Amino acid sequence: MDTTPILATAYLPPIEYFTFLMQGEIWLEQHEAFHKQSYRNRAYIQSGNGKQLLSIPIINGAGYFPIAEARIDYKTPWQRNHWRSIASAYGNSPYFMYYQDELRPFYEQKTDSLFEYNLKLMKTILKLMRMPCDIKLTSSLQPKQNFDLRTEIHPKKSFSDDYLFKLTHPYYQVFEDRFGFEPNLSIIDLLFNLGPDTAKYLQDNLLAYKEKFQ
């Protein structure tokens, strides 16, 4: 397993996360503890007001518990709010209209498990990208490995020359003229803005990573 990337579950994962899915095979950790303030239940998009956080509320949000036991809280209308924010942010993007029908059901239908919700959503995005990836689920909690990204991909880790991953080049963003280019947003920012070229952009990033770090 040490030659295959191992990642934590993530809600609408950031671009760096999807870059490693371009290898065509990953391990997805399903026996770790739930980590607060991580991509496991949060994502970032670029809205008309700047970078915006989308966070899925968790019922058992206090104390230690396995990620497989994380349950989504539907007491607040977070699905409606998230979809409204996404539609508002990307309604004028080049490809929103082509992908919205595939993604909207995730904001209308309820899934109890955060892990299952994230996995289904990720597989749907991969399908829209026409990018095959063999996602293997761990059978037990895995020890630290050579290609371990479970804690490396985190909202509080920024880009730098010595960091694991670095974006190769900017791409068109709807509000770039207002806020400048914002790197490493949710994969949907890339998908709605680049459409069919999303996979190529990610592949270029992966090649740049391999040249720099391997």
N, C-alpha and C. Protein backbone atom coordinates (compact mmCIF):
# COMPACT_ATOMS: atom_id res chain seq x y z
N MET A 1 0.81 -1.20 0.00
CA MET A 1 0.00 0.00 0.00
C MET A 1 0.85 1.27 0.00
N ASP A 2 2.18 1.15 0.33
CA ASP A 2 2.99 2.34 0.50
C ASP A 2 3.35 3.02 -0.81
N THR A 3 3.05 2.42 -1.96
CA THR A 3 3.29 3.07 -3.25
C THR A 3 2.04 3.70 -3.82
N THR A 4 0.92 3.51 -3.14
CA THR A 4 -0.35 4.07 -3.58
C THR A 4 -0.78 5.14 -2.59
N PRO A 5 -1.21 6.32 -3.07
CA PRO A 5 -1.62 7.38 -2.15
C PRO A 5 -2.74 6.91 -1.22
N ILE A 6 -2.67 7.33 0.04
CA ILE A 6 -3.74 7.07 0.99
C ILE A 6 -4.27 8.42 1.46
N LEU A 7 -5.57 8.60 1.33
CA LEU A 7 -6.19 9.87 1.64
C LEU A 7 -7.34 9.70 2.63
N ALA A 8 -7.69 10.77 3.29
CA ALA A 8 -8.86 10.80 4.15
C ALA A 8 -10.07 11.17 3.31
N THR A 9 -11.26 10.87 3.79
CA THR A 9 -12.46 11.30 3.10
C THR A 9 -12.52 12.82 3.08
N ALA A 10 -13.19 13.40 2.09
CA ALA A 10 -13.28 14.86 1.98
C ALA A 10 -14.56 15.26 1.28
N TYR A 11 -15.12 16.36 1.70
CA TYR A 11 -16.33 16.92 1.09
C TYR A 11 -15.92 17.87 -0.03
N LEU A 12 -16.38 17.60 -1.26
CA LEU A 12 -16.00 18.41 -2.42
C LEU A 12 -14.50 18.74 -2.33
N PRO A 13 -13.64 17.72 -2.41
CA PRO A 13 -12.21 17.88 -2.11
C PRO A 13 -11.54 19.00 -2.90
N PRO A 14 -10.45 19.53 -2.36
CA PRO A 14 -9.70 20.57 -3.07
C PRO A 14 -8.96 20.00 -4.27
N ILE A 15 -8.43 20.88 -5.08
CA ILE A 15 -7.78 20.49 -6.32
C ILE A 15 -6.58 19.58 -6.07
N GLU A 16 -5.79 19.88 -5.02
CA GLU A 16 -4.62 19.03 -4.76
C GLU A 16 -5.04 17.59 -4.46
N TYR A 17 -6.16 17.41 -3.79
CA TYR A 17 -6.69 16.08 -3.48
C TYR A 17 -6.99 15.32 -4.77
N PHE A 18 -7.70 15.97 -5.67
CA PHE A 18 -8.07 15.31 -6.93
C PHE A 18 -6.87 15.08 -7.83
N THR A 19 -5.83 15.88 -7.66
CA THR A 19 -4.61 15.66 -8.46
C THR A 19 -4.07 14.26 -8.24
N PHE A 20 -4.10 13.79 -7.00
CA PHE A 20 -3.55 12.47 -6.72
C PHE A 20 -4.49 11.35 -7.15
N LEU A 21 -5.76 11.65 -7.33
CA LEU A 21 -6.68 10.67 -7.89
C LEU A 21 -6.36 10.38 -9.35
N MET A 22 -5.63 11.31 -9.98
CA MET A 22 -5.26 11.11 -11.38
C MET A 22 -4.30 9.94 -11.56
N GLN A 23 -3.72 9.45 -10.48
CA GLN A 23 -2.85 8.27 -10.59
C GLN A 23 -3.65 7.02 -10.93
N GLY A 24 -4.98 7.11 -10.74
CA GLY A 24 -5.84 6.00 -11.14
C GLY A 24 -6.13 4.99 -10.05
N GLU A 25 -5.48 5.16 -8.88
CA GLU A 25 -5.68 4.22 -7.78
C GLU A 25 -5.31 4.92 -6.47
N ILE A 26 -6.20 4.82 -5.48
CA ILE A 26 -5.90 5.38 -4.16
C ILE A 26 -6.47 4.46 -3.08
N TRP A 27 -5.97 4.64 -1.87
CA TRP A 27 -6.59 4.04 -0.70
C TRP A 27 -7.34 5.15 0.03
N LEU A 28 -8.55 4.86 0.46
CA LEU A 28 -9.35 5.81 1.21
C LEU A 28 -9.51 5.28 2.64
N GLU A 29 -9.01 6.05 3.60
CA GLU A 29 -9.02 5.63 5.00
C GLU A 29 -10.43 5.74 5.59
N GLN A 30 -10.95 4.62 6.09
CA GLN A 30 -12.28 4.64 6.68
C GLN A 30 -12.29 4.22 8.15
N HIS A 31 -11.08 4.14 8.77
CA HIS A 31 -11.01 3.71 10.16
C HIS A 31 -10.31 4.74 11.06
N GLU A 32 -10.01 5.90 10.53
CA GLU A 32 -9.39 6.94 11.33
C GLU A 32 -10.43 7.64 12.22
N ALA A 33 -9.93 8.48 13.11
CA ALA A 33 -10.82 9.32 13.92
C ALA A 33 -11.26 10.52 13.09
N PHE A 34 -12.44 11.04 13.39
CA PHE A 34 -12.92 12.25 12.73
C PHE A 34 -12.07 13.43 13.17
N HIS A 35 -11.63 14.26 12.21
CA HIS A 35 -10.82 15.43 12.50
C HIS A 35 -11.63 16.69 12.24
N LYS A 36 -11.75 17.54 13.25
CA LYS A 36 -12.47 18.79 13.08
C LYS A 36 -11.67 19.78 12.23
N GLN A 37 -12.38 20.73 11.64
CA GLN A 37 -11.77 21.81 10.86
C GLN A 37 -10.85 21.28 9.77
N SER A 38 -11.26 20.17 9.15
CA SER A 38 -10.50 19.59 8.05
C SER A 38 -11.41 19.48 6.84
N TYR A 39 -10.84 19.00 5.73
CA TYR A 39 -11.64 18.86 4.52
C TYR A 39 -12.65 17.72 4.61
N ARG A 40 -12.63 16.97 5.69
CA ARG A 40 -13.55 15.85 5.83
C ARG A 40 -15.01 16.29 5.77
N ASN A 41 -15.30 17.47 6.29
CA ASN A 41 -16.68 17.96 6.21
C ASN A 41 -16.75 19.42 5.80
N ARG A 42 -15.71 19.92 5.14
CA ARG A 42 -15.75 21.30 4.70
C ARG A 42 -15.06 21.47 3.35
N ALA A 43 -15.52 22.49 2.62
CA ALA A 43 -14.95 22.80 1.31
C ALA A 43 -14.93 24.31 1.15
N TYR A 44 -14.13 24.77 0.17
CA TYR A 44 -14.03 26.21 -0.08
C TYR A 44 -14.30 26.50 -1.55
N ILE A 45 -15.17 27.48 -1.78
CA ILE A 45 -15.46 27.93 -3.13
C ILE A 45 -15.16 29.42 -3.22
N GLN A 46 -15.17 29.96 -4.43
CA GLN A 46 -14.97 31.40 -4.62
C GLN A 46 -16.31 32.01 -4.99
N SER A 47 -16.84 32.87 -4.12
CA SER A 47 -18.13 33.50 -4.35
C SER A 47 -17.95 34.97 -4.69
N GLY A 48 -19.06 35.66 -4.90
CA GLY A 48 -19.00 37.08 -5.20
C GLY A 48 -18.50 37.91 -4.04
N ASN A 49 -18.41 37.30 -2.85
CA ASN A 49 -17.90 37.99 -1.67
C ASN A 49 -16.52 37.48 -1.27
N GLY A 50 -15.91 36.67 -2.11
CA GLY A 50 -14.59 36.14 -1.81
C GLY A 50 -14.64 34.66 -1.47
N LYS A 51 -13.57 34.16 -0.91
CA LYS A 51 -13.47 32.75 -0.55
C LYS A 51 -14.52 32.42 0.50
N GLN A 52 -15.29 31.35 0.23
CA GLN A 52 -16.41 31.01 1.10
C GLN A 52 -16.30 29.57 1.60
N LEU A 53 -16.55 29.38 2.87
CA LEU A 53 -16.54 28.05 3.49
C LEU A 53 -17.91 27.41 3.40
N LEU A 54 -17.93 26.13 3.00
CA LEU A 54 -19.14 25.31 3.05
C LEU A 54 -18.85 24.17 4.02
N SER A 55 -19.62 24.09 5.10
CA SER A 55 -19.35 23.10 6.14
C SER A 55 -20.58 22.24 6.40
N ILE A 56 -20.39 20.93 6.42
CA ILE A 56 -21.48 19.99 6.73
C ILE A 56 -21.53 19.79 8.24
N PRO A 57 -22.65 20.08 8.89
CA PRO A 57 -22.74 19.87 10.34
C PRO A 57 -22.80 18.38 10.70
N ILE A 58 -22.12 18.03 11.77
CA ILE A 58 -22.04 16.65 12.23
C ILE A 58 -22.77 16.51 13.57
N ILE A 59 -23.56 15.46 13.70
CA ILE A 59 -24.33 15.25 14.93
C ILE A 59 -23.40 14.98 16.11
N ASN A 60 -22.54 13.98 15.96
CA ASN A 60 -21.62 13.61 17.05
C ASN A 60 -20.32 14.38 16.89
N GLY A 61 -20.40 15.70 17.01
CA GLY A 61 -19.27 16.56 16.71
C GLY A 61 -18.30 16.77 17.85
N ALA A 62 -18.55 16.21 19.03
CA ALA A 62 -17.66 16.41 20.17
C ALA A 62 -16.98 15.10 20.55
N GLY A 63 -15.73 15.21 20.99
CA GLY A 63 -15.00 14.03 21.45
C GLY A 63 -14.44 13.19 20.32
N TYR A 64 -13.88 12.05 20.69
CA TYR A 64 -13.25 11.14 19.73
C TYR A 64 -14.27 10.14 19.22
N PHE A 65 -14.32 9.98 17.91
CA PHE A 65 -15.16 8.94 17.31
C PHE A 65 -14.65 8.64 15.91
N PRO A 66 -14.82 7.40 15.42
CA PRO A 66 -14.33 7.01 14.10
C PRO A 66 -15.07 7.75 12.99
N ILE A 67 -14.38 7.99 11.89
CA ILE A 67 -15.00 8.68 10.76
C ILE A 67 -16.22 7.94 10.25
N ALA A 68 -16.21 6.61 10.33
CA ALA A 68 -17.35 5.82 9.86
C ALA A 68 -18.60 6.07 10.68
N GLU A 69 -18.44 6.62 11.88
CA GLU A 69 -19.59 6.89 12.75
C GLU A 69 -20.05 8.34 12.67
N ALA A 70 -19.39 9.14 11.86
CA ALA A 70 -19.79 10.54 11.70
C ALA A 70 -21.13 10.62 10.97
N ARG A 71 -22.10 11.21 11.63
CA ARG A 71 -23.46 11.32 11.09
C ARG A 71 -23.79 12.77 10.76
N ILE A 72 -24.39 12.96 9.60
CA ILE A 72 -24.73 14.31 9.14
C ILE A 72 -25.96 14.82 9.89
N ASP A 73 -25.89 16.08 10.30
CA ASP A 73 -26.98 16.72 11.03
C ASP A 73 -27.84 17.52 10.05
N TYR A 74 -29.12 17.19 9.99
CA TYR A 74 -30.02 17.87 9.06
C TYR A 74 -30.99 18.81 9.77
N LYS A 75 -30.67 19.18 11.01
CA LYS A 75 -31.55 20.10 11.73
C LYS A 75 -31.55 21.49 11.11
N THR A 76 -30.45 21.86 10.50
CA THR A 76 -30.38 23.13 9.77
C THR A 76 -30.43 22.84 8.26
N PRO A 77 -30.93 23.77 7.45
CA PRO A 77 -31.05 23.53 6.00
C PRO A 77 -29.73 23.74 5.26
N TRP A 78 -28.70 23.02 5.70
CA TRP A 78 -27.39 23.24 5.10
C TRP A 78 -27.35 22.85 3.64
N GLN A 79 -28.12 21.81 3.24
CA GLN A 79 -28.13 21.42 1.83
C GLN A 79 -28.64 22.55 0.95
N ARG A 80 -29.76 23.13 1.35
CA ARG A 80 -30.32 24.25 0.60
C ARG A 80 -29.34 25.42 0.55
N ASN A 81 -28.73 25.72 1.70
CA ASN A 81 -27.80 26.84 1.75
C ASN A 81 -26.55 26.59 0.91
N HIS A 82 -26.03 25.36 0.95
CA HIS A 82 -24.84 25.05 0.15
C HIS A 82 -25.15 25.16 -1.34
N TRP A 83 -26.28 24.60 -1.75
CA TRP A 83 -26.60 24.64 -3.18
C TRP A 83 -26.85 26.07 -3.66
N ARG A 84 -27.51 26.85 -2.84
CA ARG A 84 -27.71 28.25 -3.20
C ARG A 84 -26.39 28.98 -3.36
N SER A 85 -25.46 28.70 -2.45
CA SER A 85 -24.14 29.34 -2.53
C SER A 85 -23.39 28.88 -3.78
N ILE A 86 -23.46 27.59 -4.09
CA ILE A 86 -22.79 27.05 -5.28
C ILE A 86 -23.38 27.64 -6.55
N ALA A 87 -24.71 27.66 -6.62
CA ALA A 87 -25.39 28.20 -7.82
C ALA A 87 -25.11 29.69 -7.99
N SER A 88 -25.07 30.41 -6.87
CA SER A 88 -24.78 31.84 -6.94
C SER A 88 -23.35 32.10 -7.38
N ALA A 89 -22.42 31.29 -6.88
CA ALA A 89 -21.01 31.47 -7.20
C ALA A 89 -20.67 31.07 -8.63
N TYR A 90 -21.32 30.02 -9.13
CA TYR A 90 -20.92 29.45 -10.42
C TYR A 90 -22.00 29.48 -11.49
N GLY A 91 -23.11 30.15 -11.20
CA GLY A 91 -24.19 30.21 -12.19
C GLY A 91 -23.75 30.81 -13.51
N ASN A 92 -22.77 31.71 -13.48
CA ASN A 92 -22.27 32.35 -14.70
C ASN A 92 -20.97 31.73 -15.20
N SER A 93 -20.54 30.64 -14.59
CA SER A 93 -19.32 29.98 -15.05
C SER A 93 -19.62 29.24 -16.36
N PRO A 94 -18.59 28.93 -17.14
CA PRO A 94 -18.82 28.34 -18.46
C PRO A 94 -19.53 26.99 -18.47
N TYR A 95 -19.38 26.18 -17.38
CA TYR A 95 -19.88 24.80 -17.47
C TYR A 95 -20.85 24.42 -16.35
N PHE A 96 -21.30 25.37 -15.56
CA PHE A 96 -22.23 25.05 -14.49
C PHE A 96 -23.49 24.37 -15.01
N MET A 97 -24.03 24.89 -16.09
CA MET A 97 -25.28 24.37 -16.63
C MET A 97 -25.14 22.92 -17.13
N TYR A 98 -23.92 22.51 -17.47
CA TYR A 98 -23.71 21.15 -17.99
C TYR A 98 -23.62 20.10 -16.87
N TYR A 99 -23.28 20.54 -15.67
CA TYR A 99 -23.04 19.58 -14.59
C TYR A 99 -24.02 19.69 -13.42
N GLN A 100 -24.81 20.75 -13.39
CA GLN A 100 -25.64 20.99 -12.22
C GLN A 100 -26.65 19.88 -11.95
N ASP A 101 -27.22 19.28 -12.98
CA ASP A 101 -28.24 18.25 -12.78
C ASP A 101 -27.69 17.00 -12.11
N GLU A 102 -26.40 16.73 -12.31
CA GLU A 102 -25.78 15.56 -11.68
C GLU A 102 -25.46 15.81 -10.21
N LEU A 103 -25.22 17.07 -9.86
CA LEU A 103 -24.80 17.40 -8.51
C LEU A 103 -25.94 17.84 -7.60
N ARG A 104 -26.98 18.40 -8.17
CA ARG A 104 -28.08 18.91 -7.36
C ARG A 104 -28.71 17.86 -6.44
N PRO A 105 -28.89 16.60 -6.86
CA PRO A 105 -29.50 15.61 -5.97
C PRO A 105 -28.78 15.45 -4.63
N PHE A 106 -27.48 15.73 -4.58
CA PHE A 106 -26.75 15.63 -3.32
C PHE A 106 -27.18 16.70 -2.32
N TYR A 107 -27.94 17.68 -2.81
CA TYR A 107 -28.42 18.75 -1.95
C TYR A 107 -29.94 18.71 -1.81
N GLU A 108 -30.50 17.57 -2.22
CA GLU A 108 -31.93 17.35 -2.07
C GLU A 108 -32.24 16.05 -1.32
N GLN A 109 -31.39 15.04 -1.53
CA GLN A 109 -31.58 13.75 -0.88
C GLN A 109 -30.66 13.64 0.34
N LYS A 110 -31.11 12.93 1.35
CA LYS A 110 -30.36 12.82 2.59
C LYS A 110 -29.59 11.50 2.67
N THR A 111 -28.36 11.60 3.13
CA THR A 111 -27.51 10.45 3.40
C THR A 111 -27.05 10.55 4.84
N ASP A 112 -27.24 9.51 5.62
CA ASP A 112 -26.93 9.55 7.04
C ASP A 112 -25.43 9.66 7.31
N SER A 113 -24.63 8.88 6.63
CA SER A 113 -23.20 8.79 6.88
C SER A 113 -22.41 9.84 6.08
N LEU A 114 -21.55 10.59 6.77
CA LEU A 114 -20.69 11.56 6.09
C LEU A 114 -19.75 10.85 5.13
N PHE A 115 -19.18 9.74 5.55
CA PHE A 115 -18.24 9.00 4.71
C PHE A 115 -18.91 8.55 3.41
N GLU A 116 -20.11 8.00 3.51
CA GLU A 116 -20.83 7.52 2.32
C GLU A 116 -21.23 8.69 1.42
N TYR A 117 -21.66 9.77 2.03
CA TYR A 117 -22.04 10.96 1.26
C TYR A 117 -20.85 11.47 0.46
N ASN A 118 -19.71 11.64 1.13
CA ASN A 118 -18.51 12.13 0.45
C ASN A 118 -18.07 11.19 -0.67
N LEU A 119 -18.13 9.89 -0.42
CA LEU A 119 -17.68 8.92 -1.41
C LEU A 119 -18.56 8.95 -2.65
N LYS A 120 -19.86 8.98 -2.47
CA LYS A 120 -20.78 9.03 -3.60
C LYS A 120 -20.59 10.32 -4.40
N LEU A 121 -20.41 11.42 -3.70
CA LEU A 121 -20.22 12.70 -4.38
C LEU A 121 -18.91 12.71 -5.16
N MET A 122 -17.85 12.17 -4.58
CA MET A 122 -16.56 12.11 -5.25
C MET A 122 -16.64 11.24 -6.51
N LYS A 123 -17.30 10.11 -6.41
CA LYS A 123 -17.44 9.23 -7.57
C LYS A 123 -18.24 9.90 -8.68
N THR A 124 -19.23 10.69 -8.31
CA THR A 124 -20.02 11.41 -9.31
C THR A 124 -19.16 12.44 -10.03
N ILE A 125 -18.33 13.15 -9.30
CA ILE A 125 -17.45 14.14 -9.91
C ILE A 125 -16.44 13.47 -10.83
N LEU A 126 -15.91 12.34 -10.41
CA LEU A 126 -14.99 11.59 -11.27
C LEU A 126 -15.68 11.16 -12.57
N LYS A 127 -16.94 10.78 -12.46
CA LYS A 127 -17.69 10.39 -13.65
C LYS A 127 -17.88 11.58 -14.58
N LEU A 128 -18.17 12.74 -14.03
CA LEU A 128 -18.34 13.95 -14.85
C LEU A 128 -17.03 14.31 -15.54
N MET A 129 -15.92 14.03 -14.87
CA MET A 129 -14.60 14.30 -15.45
C MET A 129 -14.19 13.22 -16.45
N ARG A 130 -14.94 12.11 -16.46
CA ARG A 130 -14.59 10.95 -17.28
C ARG A 130 -13.19 10.46 -16.91
N MET A 131 -12.97 10.42 -15.61
CA MET A 131 -11.66 10.04 -15.08
C MET A 131 -11.81 8.81 -14.20
N PRO A 132 -11.37 7.62 -14.67
CA PRO A 132 -11.47 6.42 -13.85
C PRO A 132 -10.47 6.43 -12.71
N CYS A 133 -10.91 5.97 -11.55
CA CYS A 133 -10.01 5.85 -10.40
C CYS A 133 -10.49 4.70 -9.54
N ASP A 134 -9.60 3.79 -9.24
CA ASP A 134 -9.91 2.65 -8.38
C ASP A 134 -9.76 3.10 -6.93
N ILE A 135 -10.90 3.31 -6.25
CA ILE A 135 -10.89 3.77 -4.86
C ILE A 135 -11.02 2.56 -3.95
N LYS A 136 -9.94 2.25 -3.25
CA LYS A 136 -9.93 1.10 -2.34
C LYS A 136 -10.13 1.57 -0.91
N LEU A 137 -11.01 0.90 -0.18
CA LEU A 137 -11.28 1.25 1.21
C LEU A 137 -10.41 0.42 2.14
N THR A 138 -9.80 1.07 3.10
CA THR A 138 -8.94 0.36 4.04
C THR A 138 -9.76 -0.58 4.91
N SER A 139 -9.18 -1.70 5.28
CA SER A 139 -9.86 -2.68 6.12
C SER A 139 -9.54 -2.47 7.60
N SER A 140 -8.55 -1.62 7.90
CA SER A 140 -8.18 -1.29 9.27
C SER A 140 -7.41 0.02 9.23
N LEU A 141 -7.20 0.62 10.40
CA LEU A 141 -6.45 1.87 10.47
C LEU A 141 -5.01 1.63 10.03
N GLN A 142 -4.58 2.39 9.04
CA GLN A 142 -3.26 2.18 8.47
C GLN A 142 -2.19 3.01 9.17
N PRO A 143 -0.99 2.44 9.39
CA PRO A 143 0.12 3.21 9.97
C PRO A 143 0.64 4.25 8.98
N LYS A 144 1.48 5.13 9.45
CA LYS A 144 2.08 6.15 8.59
C LYS A 144 2.84 5.51 7.45
N GLN A 145 2.70 6.07 6.23
CA GLN A 145 3.31 5.47 5.05
C GLN A 145 4.06 6.51 4.24
N ASN A 146 4.75 6.03 3.19
CA ASN A 146 5.54 6.91 2.35
C ASN A 146 4.70 7.92 1.58
N PHE A 147 3.54 7.49 1.14
CA PHE A 147 2.69 8.35 0.31
C PHE A 147 1.39 8.64 1.07
N ASP A 148 1.54 9.09 2.31
CA ASP A 148 0.42 9.29 3.21
C ASP A 148 -0.04 10.74 3.16
N LEU A 149 -1.25 10.96 2.67
CA LEU A 149 -1.78 12.31 2.50
C LEU A 149 -2.93 12.61 3.44
N ARG A 150 -3.15 11.75 4.41
CA ARG A 150 -4.30 11.91 5.30
C ARG A 150 -4.25 13.20 6.11
N THR A 151 -3.08 13.62 6.50
CA THR A 151 -2.94 14.86 7.25
C THR A 151 -2.24 15.95 6.46
N GLU A 152 -1.61 15.60 5.34
CA GLU A 152 -0.90 16.59 4.54
C GLU A 152 -1.85 17.53 3.81
N ILE A 153 -2.96 17.00 3.34
CA ILE A 153 -3.94 17.83 2.64
C ILE A 153 -4.91 18.38 3.69
N HIS A 154 -4.71 19.63 4.05
CA HIS A 154 -5.44 20.23 5.17
C HIS A 154 -5.63 21.72 4.92
N PRO A 155 -6.77 22.29 5.30
CA PRO A 155 -7.01 23.72 5.05
C PRO A 155 -5.98 24.65 5.67
N LYS A 156 -5.34 24.22 6.76
CA LYS A 156 -4.39 25.08 7.45
C LYS A 156 -2.97 24.95 6.92
N LYS A 157 -2.76 24.07 5.94
CA LYS A 157 -1.44 23.94 5.31
C LYS A 157 -1.44 24.75 4.03
N SER A 158 -0.49 25.65 3.91
CA SER A 158 -0.44 26.53 2.74
C SER A 158 0.60 26.05 1.74
N PHE A 159 0.61 26.67 0.57
CA PHE A 159 1.55 26.30 -0.47
C PHE A 159 2.91 26.96 -0.24
N SER A 160 3.97 26.24 -0.48
CA SER A 160 5.32 26.79 -0.42
C SER A 160 6.23 25.89 -1.24
N ASP A 161 7.46 26.31 -1.47
CA ASP A 161 8.38 25.54 -2.29
C ASP A 161 8.69 24.17 -1.69
N ASP A 162 8.66 24.08 -0.38
CA ASP A 162 8.99 22.80 0.25
C ASP A 162 7.76 22.00 0.64
N TYR A 163 6.60 22.46 0.25
CA TYR A 163 5.38 21.73 0.56
C TYR A 163 5.17 20.60 -0.44
N LEU A 164 4.37 19.63 -0.04
CA LEU A 164 4.18 18.43 -0.86
C LEU A 164 3.66 18.72 -2.25
N PHE A 165 2.81 19.73 -2.37
CA PHE A 165 2.12 19.96 -3.64
C PHE A 165 2.11 21.43 -3.98
N LYS A 166 2.19 21.74 -5.23
CA LYS A 166 2.14 23.14 -5.65
C LYS A 166 1.42 23.24 -6.99
N LEU A 167 0.49 24.17 -7.10
CA LEU A 167 -0.23 24.35 -8.35
C LEU A 167 0.73 24.77 -9.46
N THR A 168 0.52 24.27 -10.64
CA THR A 168 1.44 24.57 -11.74
C THR A 168 1.09 25.90 -12.42
N HIS A 169 -0.18 26.21 -12.56
CA HIS A 169 -0.56 27.44 -13.25
C HIS A 169 -2.00 27.81 -12.90
N PRO A 170 -2.31 29.12 -12.95
CA PRO A 170 -3.68 29.55 -12.70
C PRO A 170 -4.60 29.14 -13.85
N TYR A 171 -5.88 29.20 -13.61
CA TYR A 171 -6.89 28.95 -14.63
C TYR A 171 -7.97 30.02 -14.49
N TYR A 172 -8.87 30.10 -15.44
CA TYR A 172 -9.93 31.10 -15.39
C TYR A 172 -10.84 30.87 -14.20
N GLN A 173 -11.14 31.93 -13.44
CA GLN A 173 -12.12 31.90 -12.37
C GLN A 173 -13.10 33.06 -12.55
N VAL A 174 -14.35 32.83 -12.20
CA VAL A 174 -15.41 33.81 -12.44
C VAL A 174 -15.10 35.16 -11.80
N PHE A 175 -14.60 35.15 -10.57
CA PHE A 175 -14.39 36.41 -9.85
C PHE A 175 -12.91 36.80 -9.75
N GLU A 176 -12.12 36.31 -10.70
CA GLU A 176 -10.69 36.60 -10.66
C GLU A 176 -10.41 38.09 -10.81
N ASP A 177 -11.23 38.80 -11.60
CA ASP A 177 -11.00 40.23 -11.80
C ASP A 177 -11.27 41.02 -10.52
N ARG A 178 -12.02 40.43 -9.61
CA ARG A 178 -12.37 41.11 -8.36
C ARG A 178 -11.42 40.75 -7.22
N PHE A 179 -11.02 39.49 -7.14
CA PHE A 179 -10.22 39.02 -6.00
C PHE A 179 -8.85 38.47 -6.38
N GLY A 180 -8.57 38.36 -7.67
CA GLY A 180 -7.34 37.70 -8.09
C GLY A 180 -7.54 36.20 -8.09
N PHE A 181 -6.53 35.46 -8.53
CA PHE A 181 -6.65 34.01 -8.60
C PHE A 181 -6.54 33.40 -7.21
N GLU A 182 -7.45 32.49 -6.88
CA GLU A 182 -7.46 31.79 -5.59
C GLU A 182 -7.13 30.32 -5.84
N PRO A 183 -5.96 29.83 -5.37
CA PRO A 183 -5.56 28.46 -5.64
C PRO A 183 -6.23 27.45 -4.71
N ASN A 184 -6.29 26.23 -5.18
CA ASN A 184 -6.68 25.07 -4.38
C ASN A 184 -8.06 25.17 -3.75
N LEU A 185 -9.00 25.67 -4.51
CA LEU A 185 -10.40 25.65 -4.07
C LEU A 185 -10.97 24.26 -4.29
N SER A 186 -12.24 24.08 -4.00
CA SER A 186 -12.90 22.81 -4.24
C SER A 186 -12.79 22.42 -5.71
N ILE A 187 -12.79 21.13 -5.96
CA ILE A 187 -12.73 20.62 -7.33
C ILE A 187 -13.84 21.18 -8.21
N ILE A 188 -14.97 21.55 -7.62
CA ILE A 188 -16.06 22.08 -8.45
C ILE A 188 -15.71 23.43 -9.04
N ASP A 189 -14.81 24.18 -8.40
CA ASP A 189 -14.36 25.45 -8.99
C ASP A 189 -13.66 25.17 -10.30
N LEU A 190 -12.83 24.17 -10.31
CA LEU A 190 -12.12 23.78 -11.53
C LEU A 190 -13.08 23.20 -12.56
N LEU A 191 -13.98 22.35 -12.11
CA LEU A 191 -14.92 21.68 -13.01
C LEU A 191 -15.84 22.68 -13.71
N PHE A 192 -16.42 23.59 -12.94
CA PHE A 192 -17.36 24.55 -13.52
C PHE A 192 -16.68 25.57 -14.42
N ASN A 193 -15.39 25.82 -14.19
CA ASN A 193 -14.68 26.81 -14.99
C ASN A 193 -13.94 26.22 -16.19
N LEU A 194 -13.48 24.97 -16.06
CA LEU A 194 -12.71 24.35 -17.16
C LEU A 194 -13.46 23.26 -17.89
N GLY A 195 -14.46 22.67 -17.25
CA GLY A 195 -15.25 21.65 -17.92
C GLY A 195 -14.42 20.46 -18.39
N PRO A 196 -14.47 20.12 -19.67
CA PRO A 196 -13.76 18.94 -20.20
C PRO A 196 -12.24 19.00 -20.03
N ASP A 197 -11.69 20.18 -19.78
CA ASP A 197 -10.24 20.30 -19.61
C ASP A 197 -9.79 20.10 -18.17
N THR A 198 -10.73 19.77 -17.28
CA THR A 198 -10.40 19.58 -15.87
C THR A 198 -9.38 18.47 -15.67
N ALA A 199 -9.61 17.33 -16.29
CA ALA A 199 -8.70 16.19 -16.12
C ALA A 199 -7.30 16.51 -16.62
N LYS A 200 -7.20 17.23 -17.73
CA LYS A 200 -5.88 17.58 -18.28
C LYS A 200 -5.14 18.51 -17.31
N TYR A 201 -5.85 19.46 -16.73
CA TYR A 201 -5.22 20.37 -15.77
C TYR A 201 -4.66 19.58 -14.59
N LEU A 202 -5.45 18.64 -14.08
CA LEU A 202 -5.01 17.82 -12.96
C LEU A 202 -3.83 16.94 -13.33
N GLN A 203 -3.87 16.41 -14.54
CA GLN A 203 -2.76 15.55 -15.00
C GLN A 203 -1.47 16.36 -15.10
N ASP A 204 -1.56 17.60 -15.59
CA ASP A 204 -0.39 18.46 -15.66
C ASP A 204 0.18 18.72 -14.26
N ASN A 205 -0.72 18.90 -13.29
CA ASN A 205 -0.28 19.12 -11.91
C ASN A 205 0.43 17.88 -11.36
N LEU A 206 -0.11 16.71 -11.67
CA LEU A 206 0.50 15.48 -11.18
C LEU A 206 1.88 15.28 -11.78
N LEU A 207 2.04 15.57 -13.06
CA LEU A 207 3.34 15.44 -13.71
C LEU A 207 4.35 16.41 -13.09
N ALA A 208 3.88 17.63 -12.79
CA ALA A 208 4.76 18.62 -12.17
C ALA A 208 5.18 18.16 -10.78
N TYR A 209 4.26 17.55 -10.06
CA TYR A 209 4.58 17.02 -8.74
C TYR A 209 5.66 15.94 -8.83
N LYS A 210 5.47 15.01 -9.76
CA LYS A 210 6.42 13.90 -9.89
C LYS A 210 7.81 14.40 -10.28
N GLU A 211 7.86 15.41 -11.14
CA GLU A 211 9.15 15.94 -11.55
C GLU A 211 9.88 16.62 -10.38
N LYS A 212 9.12 17.26 -9.51
CA LYS A 212 9.72 18.03 -8.43
C LYS A 212 10.09 17.18 -7.21
N PHE A 213 9.23 16.20 -6.88
CA PHE A 213 9.39 15.50 -5.60
C PHE A 213 9.81 14.04 -5.73
N GLN A 214 9.83 13.50 -6.92
CA GLN A 214 10.18 12.08 -7.04
C GLN A 214 11.50 11.91 -7.80
